Amino acid sequence: MHTRSEQSENLLTPAEVAAMFRVDPKTVTRWAKSGKLSSIRTLGGHRRYLESEVRALMGVPDQAPSRER
């Protein structure tokens, strides 16, 4: 069961994640199988990755709107 935040968050394909890391899409699949990156399966069995988790793995801060004080 997915939480509400997962349902509204952008999901990335293995090719999109691979392009961000400049690796082969099969490498992204290996990362998911080894537990380095979690994936969500579509109804067709394809893997999708949470954009926030991918960005965290890259060391990029979350792009949530900042509050001014």
N, C-alpha and C. Protein backbone atom coordinates (compact mmCIF):
# COMPACT_ATOMS: atom_id res chain seq x y z
N MET A 1 0.84 -1.18 0.00
CA MET A 1 0.00 0.00 0.00
C MET A 1 0.89 1.24 0.00
N HIS A 2 0.54 2.21 -0.84
CA HIS A 2 1.34 3.42 -0.98
C HIS A 2 0.71 4.55 -0.19
N THR A 3 1.58 5.42 0.33
CA THR A 3 1.08 6.56 1.06
C THR A 3 0.62 7.64 0.08
N ARG A 4 -0.10 8.61 0.58
CA ARG A 4 -0.62 9.68 -0.26
C ARG A 4 0.52 10.47 -0.91
N SER A 5 1.63 10.69 -0.20
CA SER A 5 2.74 11.45 -0.77
C SER A 5 3.38 10.71 -1.93
N GLU A 6 3.45 9.38 -1.86
CA GLU A 6 4.00 8.60 -2.96
C GLU A 6 3.12 8.70 -4.19
N GLN A 7 1.81 8.76 -3.99
CA GLN A 7 0.90 8.81 -5.12
C GLN A 7 1.00 10.14 -5.85
N SER A 8 1.31 11.23 -5.15
CA SER A 8 1.37 12.53 -5.79
C SER A 8 2.78 12.90 -6.23
N GLU A 9 3.76 12.11 -5.87
CA GLU A 9 5.15 12.41 -6.22
C GLU A 9 5.47 11.90 -7.62
N ASN A 10 6.42 12.59 -8.27
CA ASN A 10 6.85 12.17 -9.59
C ASN A 10 7.56 10.83 -9.53
N LEU A 11 7.21 9.98 -10.48
CA LEU A 11 7.87 8.69 -10.62
C LEU A 11 8.73 8.74 -11.87
N LEU A 12 9.92 8.19 -11.76
CA LEU A 12 10.87 8.20 -12.86
C LEU A 12 11.06 6.79 -13.43
N THR A 13 11.28 6.71 -14.72
CA THR A 13 11.55 5.43 -15.37
C THR A 13 13.03 5.08 -15.16
N PRO A 14 13.39 3.82 -15.36
CA PRO A 14 14.81 3.46 -15.26
C PRO A 14 15.69 4.28 -16.22
N ALA A 15 15.18 4.58 -17.41
CA ALA A 15 15.96 5.37 -18.38
C ALA A 15 16.19 6.79 -17.87
N GLU A 16 15.19 7.38 -17.21
CA GLU A 16 15.33 8.73 -16.67
C GLU A 16 16.35 8.76 -15.53
N VAL A 17 16.29 7.77 -14.66
CA VAL A 17 17.25 7.68 -13.55
C VAL A 17 18.65 7.45 -14.11
N ALA A 18 18.75 6.57 -15.09
CA ALA A 18 20.05 6.27 -15.70
C ALA A 18 20.66 7.53 -16.32
N ALA A 19 19.85 8.34 -16.97
CA ALA A 19 20.35 9.57 -17.58
C ALA A 19 20.86 10.54 -16.50
N MET A 20 20.18 10.58 -15.36
CA MET A 20 20.60 11.47 -14.28
C MET A 20 21.96 11.07 -13.72
N PHE A 21 22.20 9.76 -13.64
CA PHE A 21 23.47 9.25 -13.10
C PHE A 21 24.51 8.97 -14.17
N ARG A 22 24.07 9.08 -15.43
CA ARG A 22 24.94 8.75 -16.57
C ARG A 22 25.45 7.31 -16.51
N VAL A 23 24.50 6.40 -16.29
CA VAL A 23 24.79 4.97 -16.28
C VAL A 23 23.78 4.27 -17.19
N ASP A 24 23.97 3.01 -17.41
CA ASP A 24 23.05 2.20 -18.21
C ASP A 24 21.79 1.90 -17.39
N PRO A 25 20.62 1.85 -18.02
CA PRO A 25 19.39 1.52 -17.27
C PRO A 25 19.46 0.19 -16.52
N LYS A 26 20.22 -0.76 -17.02
CA LYS A 26 20.36 -2.04 -16.32
C LYS A 26 21.08 -1.86 -14.99
N THR A 27 21.96 -0.87 -14.90
CA THR A 27 22.65 -0.57 -13.64
C THR A 27 21.63 -0.10 -12.61
N VAL A 28 20.67 0.71 -13.04
CA VAL A 28 19.63 1.20 -12.14
C VAL A 28 18.81 0.02 -11.62
N THR A 29 18.49 -0.92 -12.49
CA THR A 29 17.75 -2.12 -12.08
C THR A 29 18.56 -2.93 -11.07
N ARG A 30 19.86 -3.04 -11.26
CA ARG A 30 20.72 -3.76 -10.30
C ARG A 30 20.72 -3.04 -8.95
N TRP A 31 20.74 -1.71 -8.97
CA TRP A 31 20.68 -0.95 -7.72
C TRP A 31 19.39 -1.27 -6.98
N ALA A 32 18.29 -1.36 -7.71
CA ALA A 32 17.00 -1.66 -7.08
C ALA A 32 17.00 -3.07 -6.50
N LYS A 33 17.54 -4.03 -7.24
CA LYS A 33 17.58 -5.42 -6.77
C LYS A 33 18.46 -5.56 -5.54
N SER A 34 19.52 -4.75 -5.45
CA SER A 34 20.44 -4.85 -4.31
C SER A 34 19.97 -4.03 -3.10
N GLY A 35 18.92 -3.23 -3.28
CA GLY A 35 18.39 -2.45 -2.17
C GLY A 35 18.94 -1.05 -2.06
N LYS A 36 19.82 -0.66 -2.96
CA LYS A 36 20.39 0.68 -2.92
C LYS A 36 19.33 1.74 -3.25
N LEU A 37 18.34 1.35 -4.04
CA LEU A 37 17.28 2.24 -4.49
C LEU A 37 15.98 1.45 -4.49
N SER A 38 14.93 1.98 -3.89
CA SER A 38 13.67 1.25 -3.87
C SER A 38 12.88 1.57 -5.13
N SER A 39 12.04 0.63 -5.53
CA SER A 39 11.24 0.84 -6.73
C SER A 39 9.79 0.48 -6.47
N ILE A 40 8.95 1.02 -7.31
CA ILE A 40 7.52 0.72 -7.29
C ILE A 40 7.23 0.01 -8.61
N ARG A 41 6.43 -1.02 -8.54
CA ARG A 41 6.09 -1.76 -9.76
C ARG A 41 4.76 -1.26 -10.33
N THR A 42 4.72 -1.05 -11.64
CA THR A 42 3.48 -0.68 -12.30
C THR A 42 2.64 -1.93 -12.47
N LEU A 43 1.40 -1.77 -12.91
CA LEU A 43 0.55 -2.93 -13.15
C LEU A 43 1.15 -3.85 -14.20
N GLY A 44 1.91 -3.29 -15.13
CA GLY A 44 2.56 -4.10 -16.16
C GLY A 44 3.88 -4.71 -15.72
N GLY A 45 4.29 -4.45 -14.46
CA GLY A 45 5.52 -5.05 -13.94
C GLY A 45 6.77 -4.21 -14.14
N HIS A 46 6.62 -3.01 -14.64
CA HIS A 46 7.78 -2.14 -14.87
C HIS A 46 8.14 -1.40 -13.58
N ARG A 47 9.42 -1.10 -13.44
CA ARG A 47 9.89 -0.39 -12.25
C ARG A 47 9.78 1.11 -12.44
N ARG A 48 9.41 1.79 -11.36
CA ARG A 48 9.40 3.25 -11.31
C ARG A 48 10.05 3.66 -10.00
N TYR A 49 10.71 4.81 -10.02
CA TYR A 49 11.48 5.26 -8.87
C TYR A 49 10.99 6.62 -8.40
N LEU A 50 10.92 6.82 -7.09
CA LEU A 50 10.50 8.09 -6.52
C LEU A 50 11.58 9.14 -6.79
N GLU A 51 11.17 10.25 -7.38
CA GLU A 51 12.12 11.31 -7.72
C GLU A 51 12.86 11.81 -6.49
N SER A 52 12.17 11.96 -5.37
CA SER A 52 12.82 12.47 -4.15
C SER A 52 13.92 11.52 -3.67
N GLU A 53 13.68 10.22 -3.79
CA GLU A 53 14.70 9.26 -3.35
C GLU A 53 15.91 9.28 -4.28
N VAL A 54 15.65 9.42 -5.58
CA VAL A 54 16.75 9.49 -6.55
C VAL A 54 17.59 10.74 -6.30
N ARG A 55 16.92 11.87 -6.09
CA ARG A 55 17.65 13.12 -5.82
C ARG A 55 18.43 13.03 -4.50
N ALA A 56 17.87 12.37 -3.50
CA ALA A 56 18.58 12.20 -2.23
C ALA A 56 19.83 11.35 -2.43
N LEU A 57 19.72 10.33 -3.25
CA LEU A 57 20.88 9.47 -3.55
C LEU A 57 21.95 10.26 -4.29
N MET A 58 21.52 11.20 -5.10
CA MET A 58 22.47 12.05 -5.83
C MET A 58 23.08 13.13 -4.95
N GLY A 59 22.45 13.37 -3.78
CA GLY A 59 22.93 14.43 -2.90
C GLY A 59 22.33 15.78 -3.22
N VAL A 60 21.25 15.79 -4.02
CA VAL A 60 20.56 17.03 -4.38
C VAL A 60 19.45 17.26 -3.37
N PRO A 61 19.39 18.45 -2.78
CA PRO A 61 18.32 18.70 -1.80
C PRO A 61 16.95 18.64 -2.45
N ASP A 62 15.94 18.31 -1.64
CA ASP A 62 14.56 18.23 -2.11
C ASP A 62 14.14 19.59 -2.63
N GLN A 63 13.31 19.61 -3.65
CA GLN A 63 12.91 20.87 -4.28
C GLN A 63 11.59 21.39 -3.72
N ALA A 64 11.36 21.18 -2.45
CA ALA A 64 10.13 21.69 -1.81
C ALA A 64 10.23 23.21 -1.73
N PRO A 65 9.10 23.88 -1.87
CA PRO A 65 9.13 25.34 -1.79
C PRO A 65 9.62 25.80 -0.42
N SER A 66 10.48 26.78 -0.41
CA SER A 66 11.02 27.27 0.86
C SER A 66 10.11 28.36 1.42
N ARG A 67 10.08 28.43 2.74
CA ARG A 67 9.28 29.46 3.41
C ARG A 67 10.18 30.62 3.78
N GLU A 68 9.73 31.81 3.47
CA GLU A 68 10.49 32.99 3.85
C GLU A 68 10.01 33.47 5.22
N ARG A 69 10.96 33.91 6.02
CA ARG A 69 10.61 34.37 7.37
C ARG A 69 10.67 35.85 7.46
